[in-house]
Amino acid sequence: MCGRYALAVQPEDVEAEFSMIRIEWFPPRYNIAPTQPILIVRGERGQRRPALVRWGLIPSWTKDMAAMPLLFNARSETAAEKPAFRGAYRHRRCLIPATGFYEWRKDANGRKQPFYLQPASGGVIAFAGLWDEWADDKGNIIDTATILTTAANRELAPIHERMPVVVRREQYDLWLGLDAERDANAGQVLLPPPDGTFEPIPIGAGVNSFRNDDPAIQARAVLDVVPEASSKKKSEKPVDSGQLKLF
């Protein structure tokens, strides 16, 4: 699952990472949410080209946009066969630039602790994505995209069982279909990244609202720690049941 992510860099940083032509200016984003415009990189005429699309894929064959679920993620293991994604998987793969993503770890009491997963080496990374083009009955066209997910690696599994597919730099053209062997080898991309790719940082609840879109939401938080119960001798009196219990 990946329901929030960040792209907090300048346009020239994205241009340098993906070797692209000049892109339109966009502000750093710290809390990107589904249905918002996102930057993607796709292959066009043998080159990498940027585009702004809606996060939440709408398959081209959709009759009623309002009736479709919000497809902001797609399981990489089944995307090539699922009707909603298989056309885009074959013909419209893309890269989604990011500087990290957010995930929530649920404890035994149902409380959710947010984490910011930032690249351990810093800089811009690329999630594997799919995009599609949809037109309404008036001919209005909207481009949309989804992020592919895979099983979490061992390091991130304690936080969440799923994570975005991360495309390595040497695989960019392969995933975009700019490589001659794109169909035979594209599946090589869809593997969990090695441990150490991300640094998990516990953060505060500010990320829960998409309206909070500033560096403050990525500030490290101090996790509550339940103190271990000290061993007690049989001769000790039991704790007064009238005392306040914190846990």
C-alpha atoms as a PDB file:
ATOM      1  CA  MET A   1       0.000   0.000   0.000  1.00  0.00           C
ATOM      2  CA  CYS A   2       1.185   3.504  -0.740  1.00  0.00           C
ATOM      3  CA  GLY A   3      -1.419   6.171  -0.061  1.00  0.00           C
ATOM      4  CA  ARG A   4       0.844   9.167   0.499  1.00  0.00           C
ATOM      5  CA  TYR A   5       4.265  10.130  -0.763  1.00  0.00           C
ATOM      6  CA  ALA A   6       6.574  13.125  -1.174  1.00  0.00           C
ATOM      7  CA  LEU A   7       8.467  14.815  -3.993  1.00  0.00           C
ATOM      8  CA  ALA A   8      10.274  17.597  -2.190  1.00  0.00           C
ATOM      9  CA  VAL A   9      12.930  18.738  -4.654  1.00  0.00           C
ATOM     10  CA  GLN A  10      13.408  21.329  -7.359  1.00  0.00           C
ATOM     11  CA  PRO A  11      12.579  20.635 -11.037  1.00  0.00           C
ATOM     12  CA  GLU A  12      16.235  20.591 -12.003  1.00  0.00           C
ATOM     13  CA  ASP A  13      16.806  17.686  -9.592  1.00  0.00           C
ATOM     14  CA  VAL A  14      14.159  15.643 -11.414  1.00  0.00           C
ATOM     15  CA  GLU A  15      15.548  16.640 -14.802  1.00  0.00           C
ATOM     16  CA  ALA A  16      19.024  15.494 -13.776  1.00  0.00           C
ATOM     17  CA  GLU A  17      17.833  12.170 -12.352  1.00  0.00           C
ATOM     18  CA  PHE A  18      15.818  11.209 -15.432  1.00  0.00           C
ATOM     19  CA  SER A  19      17.907  12.975 -18.108  1.00  0.00           C
ATOM     20  CA  MET A  20      14.899  14.884 -19.397  1.00  0.00           C
ATOM     21  CA  ILE A  21      14.210  18.123 -21.137  1.00  0.00           C
ATOM     22  CA  ARG A  22      13.116  21.133 -19.079  1.00  0.00           C
ATOM     23  CA  ILE A  23       9.891  20.495 -17.178  1.00  0.00           C
ATOM     24  CA  GLU A  24       7.323  22.940 -15.929  1.00  0.00           C
ATOM     25  CA  TRP A  25       7.989  24.406 -12.501  1.00  0.00           C
ATOM     26  CA  PHE A  26       6.268  22.711  -9.610  1.00  0.00           C
ATOM     27  CA  PRO A  27       6.632  23.356  -5.878  1.00  0.00           C
ATOM     28  CA  PRO A  28       8.115  20.800  -3.475  1.00  0.00           C
ATOM     29  CA  ARG A  29       5.345  18.481  -2.237  1.00  0.00           C
ATOM     30  CA  TYR A  30       5.513  16.809   1.167  1.00  0.00           C
ATOM     31  CA  ASN A  31       2.140  15.071   1.405  1.00  0.00           C
ATOM     32  CA  ILE A  32       0.827  14.001  -2.002  1.00  0.00           C
ATOM     33  CA  ALA A  33      -2.564  12.271  -1.794  1.00  0.00           C
ATOM     34  CA  PRO A  34      -4.754  10.323  -4.253  1.00  0.00           C
ATOM     35  CA  THR A  35      -6.796  12.379  -6.779  1.00  0.00           C
ATOM     36  CA  GLN A  36      -4.144  15.138  -6.733  1.00  0.00           C
ATOM     37  CA  PRO A  37      -1.957  15.977  -9.762  1.00  0.00           C
ATOM     38  CA  ILE A  38       1.334  14.081  -9.772  1.00  0.00           C
ATOM     39  CA  LEU A  39       4.437  14.152 -11.936  1.00  0.00           C
ATOM     40  CA  ILE A  40       5.225  11.050 -13.990  1.00  0.00           C
ATOM     41  CA  VAL A  41       7.901  10.176 -16.534  1.00  0.00           C
ATOM     42  CA  ARG A  42       6.874   8.182 -19.611  1.00  0.00           C
ATOM     43  CA  GLY A  43       8.470   7.073 -22.847  1.00  0.00           C
ATOM     44  CA  GLU A  44       7.468   9.039 -25.935  1.00  0.00           C
ATOM     45  CA  ARG A  45       9.153   8.905 -29.345  1.00  0.00           C
ATOM     46  CA  GLY A  46      12.127   7.115 -27.863  1.00  0.00           C
ATOM     47  CA  GLN A  47      12.690   9.672 -25.106  1.00  0.00           C
ATOM     48  CA  ARG A  48      11.738  10.194 -21.467  1.00  0.00           C
ATOM     49  CA  ARG A  49       9.035  12.827 -21.198  1.00  0.00           C
ATOM     50  CA  PRO A  50       7.398  14.390 -18.100  1.00  0.00           C
ATOM     51  CA  ALA A  51       3.647  14.731 -17.650  1.00  0.00           C
ATOM     52  CA  LEU A  52       1.217  15.857 -14.961  1.00  0.00           C
ATOM     53  CA  VAL A  53      -1.603  13.365 -14.368  1.00  0.00           C
ATOM     54  CA  ARG A  54      -4.239  12.532 -11.761  1.00  0.00           C
ATOM     55  CA  TRP A  55      -3.230  10.005  -9.096  1.00  0.00           C
ATOM     56  CA  GLY A  56      -5.830   7.258  -9.321  1.00  0.00           C
ATOM     57  CA  LEU A  57      -5.973   5.286 -12.550  1.00  0.00           C
ATOM     58  CA  ILE A  58      -9.109   5.334 -14.716  1.00  0.00           C
ATOM     59  CA  PRO A  59      -8.948   2.574 -17.367  1.00  0.00           C
ATOM     60  CA  SER A  60      -9.600   3.831 -20.894  1.00  0.00           C
ATOM     61  CA  TRP A  61     -12.650   1.555 -21.255  1.00  0.00           C
ATOM     62  CA  THR A  62     -14.424   3.012 -18.195  1.00  0.00           C
ATOM     63  CA  LYS A  63     -18.007   4.102 -18.933  1.00  0.00           C
ATOM     64  CA  ASP A  64     -18.782   5.813 -15.640  1.00  0.00           C
ATOM     65  CA  MET A  65     -15.846   7.446 -13.863  1.00  0.00           C
ATOM     66  CA  ALA A  66     -17.878   7.957 -10.682  1.00  0.00           C
ATOM     67  CA  ALA A  67     -18.564   4.230 -10.420  1.00  0.00           C
ATOM     68  CA  MET A  68     -14.882   3.248 -10.484  1.00  0.00           C
ATOM     69  CA  PRO A  69     -12.966   2.659  -7.248  1.00  0.00           C
ATOM     70  CA  LEU A  70      -9.960   4.872  -6.577  1.00  0.00           C
ATOM     71  CA  LEU A  71      -7.171   2.814  -8.142  1.00  0.00           C
ATOM     72  CA  PHE A  72      -4.167   4.607  -6.675  1.00  0.00           C
ATOM     73  CA  ASN A  73      -2.273   1.312  -6.139  1.00  0.00           C
ATOM     74  CA  ALA A  74      -2.032  -1.896  -8.156  1.00  0.00           C
ATOM     75  CA  ARG A  75      -0.531  -5.196  -7.047  1.00  0.00           C
ATOM     76  CA  SER A  76       2.485  -5.874  -9.262  1.00  0.00           C
ATOM     77  CA  GLU A  77       1.943  -9.641  -9.022  1.00  0.00           C
ATOM     78  CA  THR A  78      -1.394  -9.464 -10.871  1.00  0.00           C
ATOM     79  CA  ALA A  79      -1.314  -6.192 -12.825  1.00  0.00           C
ATOM     80  CA  ALA A  80      -0.478  -7.890 -16.111  1.00  0.00           C
ATOM     81  CA  GLU A  81      -3.707  -9.940 -15.961  1.00  0.00           C
ATOM     82  CA  LYS A  82      -6.247  -7.726 -14.186  1.00  0.00           C
ATOM     83  CA  PRO A  83      -8.662  -6.026 -16.633  1.00  0.00           C
ATOM     84  CA  ALA A  84      -8.188  -2.613 -14.997  1.00  0.00           C
ATOM     85  CA  PHE A  85      -4.407  -2.666 -15.471  1.00  0.00           C
ATOM     86  CA  ARG A  86      -3.351  -5.129 -18.172  1.00  0.00           C
ATOM     87  CA  GLY A  87      -3.638  -2.678 -21.085  1.00  0.00           C
ATOM     88  CA  ALA A  88      -1.579  -0.064 -19.277  1.00  0.00           C
ATOM     89  CA  TYR A  89       0.921  -2.711 -18.146  1.00  0.00           C
ATOM     90  CA  ARG A  90       1.589  -3.663 -21.750  1.00  0.00           C
ATOM     91  CA  HIS A  91       1.640  -0.239 -23.353  1.00  0.00           C
ATOM     92  CA  ARG A  92       1.664   2.590 -20.757  1.00  0.00           C
ATOM     93  CA  ARG A  93       4.231   1.994 -18.062  1.00  0.00           C
ATOM     94  CA  CYS A  94       5.708   5.036 -16.315  1.00  0.00           C
ATOM     95  CA  LEU A  95       8.063   6.176 -13.575  1.00  0.00           C
ATOM     96  CA  ILE A  96       6.780   8.203 -10.631  1.00  0.00           C
ATOM     97  CA  PRO A  97       9.496  10.409  -9.084  1.00  0.00           C
ATOM     98  CA  ALA A  98       9.501  10.544  -5.278  1.00  0.00           C
ATOM     99  CA  THR A  99      11.682  11.467  -2.336  1.00  0.00           C
ATOM    100  CA  GLY A 100       9.952   9.079   0.076  1.00  0.00           C
ATOM    101  CA  PHE A 101       6.587   7.683   1.089  1.00  0.00           C
ATOM    102  CA  TYR A 102       4.448   7.264   4.188  1.00  0.00           C
ATOM    103  CA  GLU A 103       3.074   4.178   5.862  1.00  0.00           C
ATOM    104  CA  TRP A 104       1.152   3.470   9.062  1.00  0.00           C
ATOM    105  CA  ARG A 105       1.972   0.673  11.515  1.00  0.00           C
ATOM    106  CA  LYS A 106      -0.977  -0.616  13.483  1.00  0.00           C
ATOM    107  CA  ASP A 107      -0.346  -1.876  17.021  1.00  0.00           C
ATOM    108  CA  ALA A 108      -2.284  -4.487  18.996  1.00  0.00           C
ATOM    109  CA  ASN A 109      -4.676  -1.803  20.267  1.00  0.00           C
ATOM    110  CA  GLY A 110      -5.508  -0.587  16.762  1.00  0.00           C
ATOM    111  CA  ARG A 111      -3.530   2.633  17.083  1.00  0.00           C
ATOM    112  CA  LYS A 112      -1.680   3.709  13.935  1.00  0.00           C
ATOM    113  CA  GLN A 113       1.827   5.124  14.066  1.00  0.00           C
ATOM    114  CA  PRO A 114       2.881   6.930  10.838  1.00  0.00           C
ATOM    115  CA  PHE A 115       6.364   6.497   9.410  1.00  0.00           C
ATOM    116  CA  TYR A 116       8.202   8.412   6.723  1.00  0.00           C
ATOM    117  CA  LEU A 117      10.256   6.047   4.563  1.00  0.00           C
ATOM    118  CA  GLN A 118      13.014   8.090   2.999  1.00  0.00           C
ATOM    119  CA  PRO A 119      15.736   6.795   0.658  1.00  0.00           C
ATOM    120  CA  ALA A 120      18.785   5.963   2.752  1.00  0.00           C
ATOM    121  CA  SER A 121      21.014   7.523   0.093  1.00  0.00           C
ATOM    122  CA  GLY A 122      18.803  10.623  -0.264  1.00  0.00           C
ATOM    123  CA  GLY A 123      17.805  12.219  -3.540  1.00  0.00           C
ATOM    124  CA  VAL A 124      15.091  11.244  -6.009  1.00  0.00           C
ATOM    125  CA  ILE A 125      13.912   7.691  -6.592  1.00  0.00           C
ATOM    126  CA  ALA A 126      11.362   6.242  -9.016  1.00  0.00           C
ATOM    127  CA  PHE A 127       8.300   4.132  -8.247  1.00  0.00           C
ATOM    128  CA  ALA A 128       7.006   1.823 -10.969  1.00  0.00           C
ATOM    129  CA  GLY A 129       3.700   3.131 -12.282  1.00  0.00           C
ATOM    130  CA  LEU A 130       1.045   2.643 -14.941  1.00  0.00           C
ATOM    131  CA  TRP A 131      -0.859   5.401 -16.713  1.00  0.00           C
ATOM    132  CA  ASP A 132      -3.909   5.505 -18.941  1.00  0.00           C
ATOM    133  CA  GLU A 133      -5.950   7.989 -20.947  1.00  0.00           C
ATOM    134  CA  TRP A 134      -9.683   8.341 -20.382  1.00  0.00           C
ATOM    135  CA  ALA A 135     -12.216  10.489 -22.262  1.00  0.00           C
ATOM    136  CA  ASP A 136     -15.730  11.448 -21.196  1.00  0.00           C
ATOM    137  CA  ASP A 137     -18.748  11.640 -23.528  1.00  0.00           C
ATOM    138  CA  LYS A 138     -17.858  15.249 -24.379  1.00  0.00           C
ATOM    139  CA  GLY A 139     -14.369  14.369 -25.513  1.00  0.00           C
ATOM    140  CA  ASN A 140     -12.592  15.767 -22.457  1.00  0.00           C
ATOM    141  CA  ILE A 141      -9.422  13.759 -21.887  1.00  0.00           C
ATOM    142  CA  ILE A 142      -7.773  13.054 -18.538  1.00  0.00           C
ATOM    143  CA  ASP A 143      -4.532  11.150 -17.967  1.00  0.00           C
ATOM    144  CA  THR A 144      -4.305   9.145 -14.741  1.00  0.00           C
ATOM    145  CA  ALA A 145      -1.779   6.882 -13.045  1.00  0.00           C
ATOM    146  CA  THR A 146      -1.329   4.286 -10.325  1.00  0.00           C
ATOM    147  CA  ILE A 147       1.655   3.081  -8.273  1.00  0.00           C
ATOM    148  CA  LEU A 148       2.607  -0.596  -8.399  1.00  0.00           C
ATOM    149  CA  THR A 149       3.231  -2.298  -5.068  1.00  0.00           C
ATOM    150  CA  THR A 150       5.093  -5.433  -4.032  1.00  0.00           C
ATOM    151  CA  ALA A 151       5.647  -7.440  -0.855  1.00  0.00           C
ATOM    152  CA  ALA A 152       7.581  -5.441   1.731  1.00  0.00           C
ATOM    153  CA  ASN A 153      11.203  -6.361   2.226  1.00  0.00           C
ATOM    154  CA  ARG A 154      12.309  -7.776   5.573  1.00  0.00           C
ATOM    155  CA  GLU A 155      13.242  -4.344   6.919  1.00  0.00           C
ATOM    156  CA  LEU A 156       9.874  -2.702   6.223  1.00  0.00           C
ATOM    157  CA  ALA A 157       7.611  -5.703   6.868  1.00  0.00           C
ATOM    158  CA  PRO A 158       7.130  -4.825  10.578  1.00  0.00           C
ATOM    159  CA  ILE A 159       5.560  -1.529   9.464  1.00  0.00           C
ATOM    160  CA  HIS A 160       3.382  -2.754   6.572  1.00  0.00           C
ATOM    161  CA  GLU A 161       3.155  -5.852   4.411  1.00  0.00           C
ATOM    162  CA  ARG A 162       3.246  -3.913   1.098  1.00  0.00           C
ATOM    163  CA  MET A 163       5.493  -1.217  -0.371  1.00  0.00           C
ATOM    164  CA  PRO A 164       5.955   0.573  -3.715  1.00  0.00           C
ATOM    165  CA  VAL A 165       8.023  -1.062  -6.432  1.00  0.00           C
ATOM    166  CA  VAL A 166      11.271   0.910  -6.741  1.00  0.00           C
ATOM    167  CA  VAL A 167      12.835   1.044 -10.210  1.00  0.00           C
ATOM    168  CA  ARG A 168      16.615   1.151 -10.245  1.00  0.00           C
ATOM    169  CA  ARG A 169      18.270   3.793 -12.407  1.00  0.00           C
ATOM    170  CA  GLU A 170      19.674   1.245 -14.846  1.00  0.00           C
ATOM    171  CA  GLN A 171      16.142  -0.147 -15.312  1.00  0.00           C
ATOM    172  CA  TYR A 172      14.402   3.128 -16.237  1.00  0.00           C
ATOM    173  CA  ASP A 173      14.386   2.536 -19.991  1.00  0.00           C
ATOM    174  CA  LEU A 174      13.476  -1.122 -19.555  1.00  0.00           C
ATOM    175  CA  TRP A 175      10.377  -0.225 -17.561  1.00  0.00           C
ATOM    176  CA  LEU A 176       9.397   2.629 -19.867  1.00  0.00           C
ATOM    177  CA  GLY A 177       9.540   0.386 -22.919  1.00  0.00           C
ATOM    178  CA  LEU A 178      12.510   2.224 -24.409  1.00  0.00           C
ATOM    179  CA  ASP A 179      14.582  -0.956 -24.185  1.00  0.00           C
ATOM    180  CA  ALA A 180      14.438  -3.390 -27.098  1.00  0.00           C
ATOM    181  CA  GLU A 181      13.630  -6.309 -24.792  1.00  0.00           C
ATOM    182  CA  ARG A 182      10.908  -4.519 -22.841  1.00  0.00           C
ATOM    183  CA  ASP A 183       8.237  -7.233 -22.938  1.00  0.00           C
ATOM    184  CA  ALA A 184      10.497 -10.137 -22.098  1.00  0.00           C
ATOM    185  CA  ASN A 185      12.283  -8.548 -19.162  1.00  0.00           C
ATOM    186  CA  ALA A 186       9.982  -5.891 -17.680  1.00  0.00           C
ATOM    187  CA  GLY A 187       9.020  -8.276 -14.881  1.00  0.00           C
ATOM    188  CA  GLN A 188      12.576  -8.062 -13.530  1.00  0.00           C
ATOM    189  CA  VAL A 189      11.683  -4.649 -12.130  1.00  0.00           C
ATOM    190  CA  LEU A 190       8.872  -5.934  -9.920  1.00  0.00           C
ATOM    191  CA  LEU A 191      10.888  -7.137  -6.932  1.00  0.00           C
ATOM    192  CA  PRO A 192      11.171  -5.755  -3.383  1.00  0.00           C
ATOM    193  CA  PRO A 193      14.220  -3.498  -3.008  1.00  0.00           C
ATOM    194  CA  PRO A 194      17.082  -4.774  -0.840  1.00  0.00           C
ATOM    195  CA  ASP A 195      17.167  -4.009   2.858  1.00  0.00           C
ATOM    196  CA  GLY A 196      18.795  -0.664   3.525  1.00  0.00           C
ATOM    197  CA  THR A 197      17.081   1.075   0.611  1.00  0.00           C
ATOM    198  CA  PHE A 198      14.864   3.095   2.972  1.00  0.00           C
ATOM    199  CA  GLU A 199      15.288   4.636   6.398  1.00  0.00           C
ATOM    200  CA  PRO A 200      12.062   4.386   8.466  1.00  0.00           C
ATOM    201  CA  ILE A 201      11.441   7.554  10.494  1.00  0.00           C
ATOM    202  CA  PRO A 202       8.556   7.700  13.012  1.00  0.00           C
ATOM    203  CA  ILE A 203       6.637  10.938  12.588  1.00  0.00           C
ATOM    204  CA  GLY A 204       3.646  12.732  14.096  1.00  0.00           C
ATOM    205  CA  ALA A 205      -0.015  12.639  13.125  1.00  0.00           C
ATOM    206  CA  GLY A 206       0.202  15.753  10.935  1.00  0.00           C
ATOM    207  CA  VAL A 207       0.593  13.589   7.830  1.00  0.00           C
ATOM    208  CA  ASN A 208      -2.890  12.163   8.391  1.00  0.00           C
ATOM    209  CA  SER A 209      -4.421  15.287   6.819  1.00  0.00           C
ATOM    210  CA  PHE A 210      -3.503  15.983   3.200  1.00  0.00           C
ATOM    211  CA  ARG A 211      -3.924  19.690   3.973  1.00  0.00           C
ATOM    212  CA  ASN A 212      -0.640  19.548   5.894  1.00  0.00           C
ATOM    213  CA  ASP A 213       1.923  19.832   3.110  1.00  0.00           C
ATOM    214  CA  ASP A 214       5.147  21.181   4.569  1.00  0.00           C
ATOM    215  CA  PRO A 215       8.482  19.872   5.933  1.00  0.00           C
ATOM    216  CA  ALA A 216       7.152  19.811   9.509  1.00  0.00           C
ATOM    217  CA  ILE A 217       5.200  16.603   8.923  1.00  0.00           C
ATOM    218  CA  GLN A 218       8.466  14.727   8.322  1.00  0.00           C
ATOM    219  CA  ALA A 219       9.971  15.687  11.684  1.00  0.00           C
ATOM    220  CA  ARG A 220      11.055  12.698  13.738  1.00  0.00           C
ATOM    221  CA  ALA A 221       8.704  11.853  16.599  1.00  0.00           C
ATOM    222  CA  VAL A 222       9.514  10.132  19.870  1.00  0.00           C
ATOM    223  CA  LEU A 223       7.626   6.867  20.118  1.00  0.00           C
ATOM    224  CA  ASP A 224       5.814   5.988  23.316  1.00  0.00           C
ATOM    225  CA  VAL A 225       7.605   3.187  25.110  1.00  0.00           C
ATOM    226  CA  VAL A 226       5.802   0.959  27.557  1.00  0.00           C
ATOM    227  CA  PRO A 227       8.181   0.405  30.511  1.00  0.00           C
ATOM    228  CA  GLU A 228       8.899  -3.222  31.343  1.00  0.00           C
ATOM    229  CA  ALA A 229       7.250  -4.437  34.545  1.00  0.00           C
ATOM    230  CA  SER A 230       9.835  -4.935  37.243  1.00  0.00           C
ATOM    231  CA  SER A 231       9.939  -8.293  39.016  1.00  0.00           C
ATOM    232  CA  LYS A 232       8.248  -8.241  42.405  1.00  0.00           C
ATOM    233  CA  LYS A 233       8.834 -10.358  45.427  1.00  0.00           C
ATOM    234  CA  LYS A 234       5.981 -12.397  46.794  1.00  0.00           C
ATOM    235  CA  SER A 235       6.157 -10.424  50.027  1.00  0.00           C
ATOM    236  CA  GLU A 236       5.402  -7.130  48.218  1.00  0.00           C
ATOM    237  CA  LYS A 237       1.912  -5.774  48.484  1.00  0.00           C
ATOM    238  CA  PRO A 238      -0.145  -5.688  45.278  1.00  0.00           C
ATOM    239  CA  VAL A 239      -0.524  -2.366  43.551  1.00  0.00           C
ATOM    240  CA  ASP A 240      -3.541  -0.410  44.704  1.00  0.00           C
ATOM    241  CA  SER A 241      -6.239  -1.118  42.094  1.00  0.00           C
ATOM    242  CA  GLY A 242      -7.473   2.430  42.479  1.00  0.00           C
ATOM    243  CA  GLN A 243      -4.363   3.893  40.874  1.00  0.00           C
ATOM    244  CA  LEU A 244      -4.515   5.264  37.326  1.00  0.00           C
ATOM    245  CA  LYS A 245      -3.505   2.653  34.753  1.00  0.00           C
ATOM    246  CA  LEU A 246      -1.770   4.042  31.674  1.00  0.00           C
ATOM    247  CA  PHE A 247      -1.688   0.796  29.668  1.00  0.00           C
END
